[in-house]
């Protein structure tokens, strides 16, 4: 089973651009994921404290919403949630930014069949807060359609945050990933195994020519950090 990235139409950002851009008749620039995250949480992603489970959940949800909103297009569709789910999530975790609700709920579209299969796999394996787990199941399924490492396309700071998310909210499924397979690959392998299919022709992973596709390095720079750095590099020298 192969994942395909979705192509979504661009839409105006819920964060308006500066007055100069508006007066010049230019489209408002897309906000950075880091800027959106700071509006939701109140601090930069790198400074967020996630020691307790409530703070961690809030961080994860903010990261996914922020990276989704930074890409352009309907936020609800880019993060996989229905309009009422966006409303409920903002009301519960980010009530101070409720003004985002209307723009972020607009043009919500249902998950495609492939994403819905991943969502249903995750829904059946929830292990913590069922409401948050339900939102995350849809969000992970939708963001898994993007081309980068899943933790990057969720806006997280490192892969270990995704592993913590899985262990907290989808523990039965996470417990099956005994060889630390990449999570996106693991979802699809689990779907095939649950349906009685054999995903790989090679029975032993260590003998597979595509070993690095499933178990390769997932290090990298978070998308929020990358965007901050690109903005700094693009700034003219004083």
Protein backbone atom coordinates (compact mmCIF):
# COMPACT_ATOMS: atom_id res chain seq x y z
CA UNK A 1 0.00 0.00 0.00
CA UNK A 2 1.48 3.36 -1.04
CA UNK A 3 0.68 6.73 0.49
CA UNK A 4 -0.07 9.61 -1.85
CA UNK A 5 0.11 13.28 -0.85
CA UNK A 6 -3.06 15.32 -1.30
CA UNK A 7 -3.17 18.39 -3.50
CA UNK A 8 -5.27 21.13 -1.94
CA UNK A 9 -6.23 24.56 -3.27
CA UNK A 10 -4.71 27.60 -1.66
CA UNK A 11 -6.85 29.85 0.48
CA UNK A 12 -6.31 33.01 2.41
CA UNK A 13 -4.55 32.67 5.72
CA UNK A 14 -6.45 33.20 8.98
CA UNK A 15 -3.60 35.47 10.05
CA UNK A 16 -3.97 38.72 8.09
CA UNK A 17 -0.92 40.27 6.52
CA UNK A 18 0.41 43.70 7.21
CA UNK A 19 -1.36 46.89 6.19
CA UNK A 20 1.25 47.64 3.54
CA UNK A 21 0.49 44.39 1.74
CA UNK A 22 -3.24 45.05 1.89
CA UNK A 23 -2.89 48.59 0.56
CA UNK A 24 -0.71 47.36 -2.27
CA UNK A 25 -3.34 44.82 -3.23
CA UNK A 26 -0.97 41.94 -2.55
CA UNK A 27 -2.03 38.61 -1.11
CA UNK A 28 -1.37 38.30 2.61
CA UNK A 29 1.79 36.27 3.21
CA UNK A 30 1.37 32.92 4.86
CA UNK A 31 2.35 33.01 8.55
CA UNK A 32 5.11 30.74 9.75
CA UNK A 33 4.23 27.66 11.76
CA UNK A 34 6.28 29.07 14.62
CA UNK A 35 4.27 32.30 14.66
CA UNK A 36 0.98 30.41 14.74
CA UNK A 37 2.27 28.12 17.49
CA UNK A 38 3.30 31.13 19.58
CA UNK A 39 -0.18 32.57 19.24
CA UNK A 40 -1.71 29.29 20.42
CA UNK A 41 0.73 28.46 23.23
CA UNK A 42 2.29 31.79 24.12
CA UNK A 43 5.92 30.85 23.57
CA UNK A 44 8.22 29.63 20.83
CA UNK A 45 8.09 25.88 20.06
CA UNK A 46 11.63 25.36 21.32
CA UNK A 47 10.70 26.78 24.72
CA UNK A 48 7.50 24.82 25.30
CA UNK A 49 7.52 22.71 28.46
CA UNK A 50 5.88 19.33 28.00
CA UNK A 51 6.71 17.53 31.23
CA UNK A 52 3.13 16.65 32.19
CA UNK A 53 0.61 14.92 29.95
CA UNK A 54 -1.77 17.89 29.71
CA UNK A 55 1.02 20.21 28.56
CA UNK A 56 2.25 17.58 26.11
CA UNK A 57 -1.19 17.11 24.56
CA UNK A 58 -1.59 20.87 24.19
CA UNK A 59 1.85 21.12 22.57
CA UNK A 60 1.12 18.33 20.09
CA UNK A 61 -2.25 19.76 19.06
CA UNK A 62 -0.78 23.25 18.67
CA UNK A 63 2.08 21.92 16.56
CA UNK A 64 -0.23 20.06 14.18
CA UNK A 65 -2.60 23.02 13.83
CA UNK A 66 0.30 25.43 13.34
CA UNK A 67 2.06 23.47 10.62
CA UNK A 68 -1.26 22.81 8.87
CA UNK A 69 -2.23 26.49 8.92
CA UNK A 70 1.19 27.56 7.66
CA UNK A 71 0.82 25.59 4.42
CA UNK A 72 -2.12 27.47 2.96
CA UNK A 73 -5.45 25.95 2.06
CA UNK A 74 -8.31 25.06 4.40
CA UNK A 75 -6.83 24.34 7.83
CA UNK A 76 -9.52 21.82 8.77
CA UNK A 77 -8.83 19.78 5.65
CA UNK A 78 -5.05 20.01 6.01
CA UNK A 79 -5.19 18.67 9.57
CA UNK A 80 -7.94 16.11 8.95
CA UNK A 81 -10.64 17.42 11.26
CA UNK A 82 -14.28 18.27 10.66
CA UNK A 83 -15.46 21.82 11.31
CA UNK A 84 -17.11 20.97 14.64
CA UNK A 85 -13.95 19.15 15.78
CA UNK A 86 -11.82 22.24 15.13
CA UNK A 87 -14.34 24.26 17.14
CA UNK A 88 -14.36 21.80 20.05
CA UNK A 89 -10.55 21.52 20.07
CA UNK A 90 -10.03 25.29 20.14
CA UNK A 91 -12.68 25.73 22.84
CA UNK A 92 -11.09 23.08 25.06
CA UNK A 93 -7.38 23.79 24.61
CA UNK A 94 -7.04 27.28 23.14
CA UNK A 95 -10.05 29.37 24.22
CA UNK A 96 -8.07 32.61 24.00
CA UNK A 97 -7.83 32.30 20.21
CA UNK A 98 -11.42 31.40 19.52
CA UNK A 99 -11.48 34.05 16.79
CA UNK A 100 -9.62 31.58 14.60
CA UNK A 101 -12.55 29.21 14.69
CA UNK A 102 -14.57 30.44 11.73
CA UNK A 103 -11.66 30.71 9.31
CA UNK A 104 -10.07 27.42 10.38
CA UNK A 105 -13.37 25.52 10.12
CA UNK A 106 -14.09 26.69 6.60
CA UNK A 107 -14.05 24.21 3.71
CA UNK A 108 -13.53 21.13 5.86
CA UNK A 109 -13.56 18.02 3.71
CA UNK A 110 -13.76 14.36 4.74
CA UNK A 111 -10.67 12.20 4.75
CA UNK A 112 -10.03 10.21 1.61
CA UNK A 113 -10.40 6.44 1.76
CA UNK A 114 -6.73 5.75 2.45
CA UNK A 115 -6.51 8.28 5.28
CA UNK A 116 -9.78 7.00 6.73
CA UNK A 117 -8.29 3.50 6.96
CA UNK A 118 -5.33 4.81 8.97
CA UNK A 119 -7.67 6.87 11.16
CA UNK A 120 -9.85 3.85 11.90
CA UNK A 121 -6.78 1.78 12.75
CA UNK A 122 -5.76 4.41 15.30
CA UNK A 123 -9.28 4.93 16.65
CA UNK A 124 -9.51 1.25 17.54
CA UNK A 125 -6.29 1.50 19.56
CA UNK A 126 -6.95 4.57 21.73
CA UNK A 127 -5.57 4.33 25.24
CA UNK A 128 -5.91 7.74 26.93
CA UNK A 129 -8.36 10.64 26.59
CA UNK A 130 -10.85 9.35 23.99
CA UNK A 131 -11.73 12.81 22.67
CA UNK A 132 -8.11 13.85 22.17
CA UNK A 133 -7.30 10.41 20.80
CA UNK A 134 -10.11 10.79 18.28
CA UNK A 135 -8.78 14.12 17.09
CA UNK A 136 -5.23 12.81 16.90
CA UNK A 137 -6.29 9.69 14.99
CA UNK A 138 -7.70 11.88 12.22
CA UNK A 139 -4.82 14.34 12.35
CA UNK A 140 -2.11 11.68 12.16
CA UNK A 141 -3.94 9.93 9.32
CA UNK A 142 -4.21 13.13 7.29
CA UNK A 143 -0.68 14.34 7.96
CA UNK A 144 0.68 10.90 7.02
CA UNK A 145 -0.27 11.82 3.44
CA UNK A 146 2.45 14.48 3.41
CA UNK A 147 5.89 13.59 1.97
CA UNK A 148 8.26 14.14 4.91
CA UNK A 149 8.90 12.13 8.05
CA UNK A 150 5.61 12.00 9.95
CA UNK A 151 6.98 13.81 12.99
CA UNK A 152 8.07 16.66 10.73
CA UNK A 153 4.70 16.95 9.01
CA UNK A 154 3.05 16.99 12.45
CA UNK A 155 5.18 20.01 13.34
CA UNK A 156 6.86 18.16 16.22
CA UNK A 157 10.38 18.90 17.41
CA UNK A 158 11.80 15.38 17.07
CA UNK A 159 10.75 11.81 16.38
CA UNK A 160 10.73 10.93 20.08
CA UNK A 161 7.75 13.27 20.55
CA UNK A 162 5.80 11.20 18.03
CA UNK A 163 6.81 8.03 19.86
CA UNK A 164 5.62 9.57 23.14
CA UNK A 165 2.34 10.55 21.47
CA UNK A 166 1.84 6.98 20.23
CA UNK A 167 2.67 5.42 23.59
CA UNK A 168 0.27 7.76 25.38
CA UNK A 169 -2.72 7.80 23.04
CA UNK A 170 -2.42 4.57 21.05
CA UNK A 171 -0.55 2.27 23.41
CA UNK A 172 -1.85 -1.10 22.12
CA UNK A 173 -0.73 -0.25 18.60
CA UNK A 174 2.53 1.34 19.74
CA UNK A 175 3.35 -1.81 21.69
CA UNK A 176 3.36 -3.77 18.45
CA UNK A 177 6.15 -1.65 17.00
CA UNK A 178 8.82 -3.67 18.78
CA UNK A 179 11.54 -2.99 16.20
CA UNK A 180 11.13 0.79 16.17
CA UNK A 181 9.88 0.89 12.60
CA UNK A 182 9.12 4.30 11.16
CA UNK A 183 5.60 5.15 12.27
CA UNK A 184 4.14 5.98 8.88
CA UNK A 185 5.46 2.72 7.46
CA UNK A 186 4.24 0.88 10.55
CA UNK A 187 0.67 2.13 10.09
CA UNK A 188 0.46 0.69 6.61
CA UNK A 189 2.14 -2.54 7.59
CA UNK A 190 -0.37 -2.91 10.43
CA UNK A 191 -3.28 -2.33 8.05
CA UNK A 192 -2.02 -5.04 5.73
CA UNK A 193 -1.39 -7.50 8.54
CA UNK A 194 -4.83 -6.87 10.05
CA UNK A 195 -6.36 -7.64 6.64
CA UNK A 196 -4.32 -10.81 6.28
CA UNK A 197 -1.95 -9.49 3.62
CA UNK A 198 1.83 -9.78 3.53
CA UNK A 199 3.30 -6.37 2.87
CA UNK A 200 6.87 -7.46 2.17
CA UNK A 201 8.30 -10.18 -0.03
CA UNK A 202 11.27 -10.63 2.32
CA UNK A 203 10.26 -12.38 5.57
CA UNK A 204 13.22 -11.04 7.56
CA UNK A 205 13.64 -7.27 7.72
CA UNK A 206 17.42 -7.38 8.03
CA UNK A 207 17.64 -9.17 4.67
CA UNK A 208 15.42 -6.67 2.86
CA UNK A 209 16.89 -4.37 0.26
CA UNK A 210 14.49 -1.62 1.36
CA UNK A 211 15.47 -1.82 5.03
CA UNK A 212 16.25 1.90 5.25
CA UNK A 213 12.75 2.80 4.05
CA UNK A 214 11.30 1.24 7.19
CA UNK A 215 14.07 1.65 9.75
CA UNK A 216 16.36 4.38 8.45
CA UNK A 217 17.41 7.49 10.30
CA UNK A 218 14.65 10.01 11.03
CA UNK A 219 16.78 12.84 12.29
CA UNK A 220 16.17 16.28 10.91
CA UNK A 221 15.19 19.83 11.74
CA UNK A 222 11.68 20.63 12.82
CA UNK A 223 9.68 22.53 10.27
CA UNK A 224 9.10 25.38 12.70
CA UNK A 225 12.81 25.75 13.38
CA UNK A 226 13.59 25.55 9.67
CA UNK A 227 11.11 28.30 8.84
CA UNK A 228 12.50 30.58 11.54
CA UNK A 229 16.00 30.06 10.22
CA UNK A 230 15.00 30.63 6.59
CA UNK A 231 13.38 33.93 7.55
CA UNK A 232 16.56 35.00 9.36
CA UNK A 233 18.73 34.04 6.40
CA UNK A 234 16.47 35.91 3.98
CA UNK A 235 16.60 39.14 5.99
CA UNK A 236 18.79 41.84 4.40
CA UNK A 237 22.06 42.60 6.10
CA UNK A 238 22.07 45.79 8.14
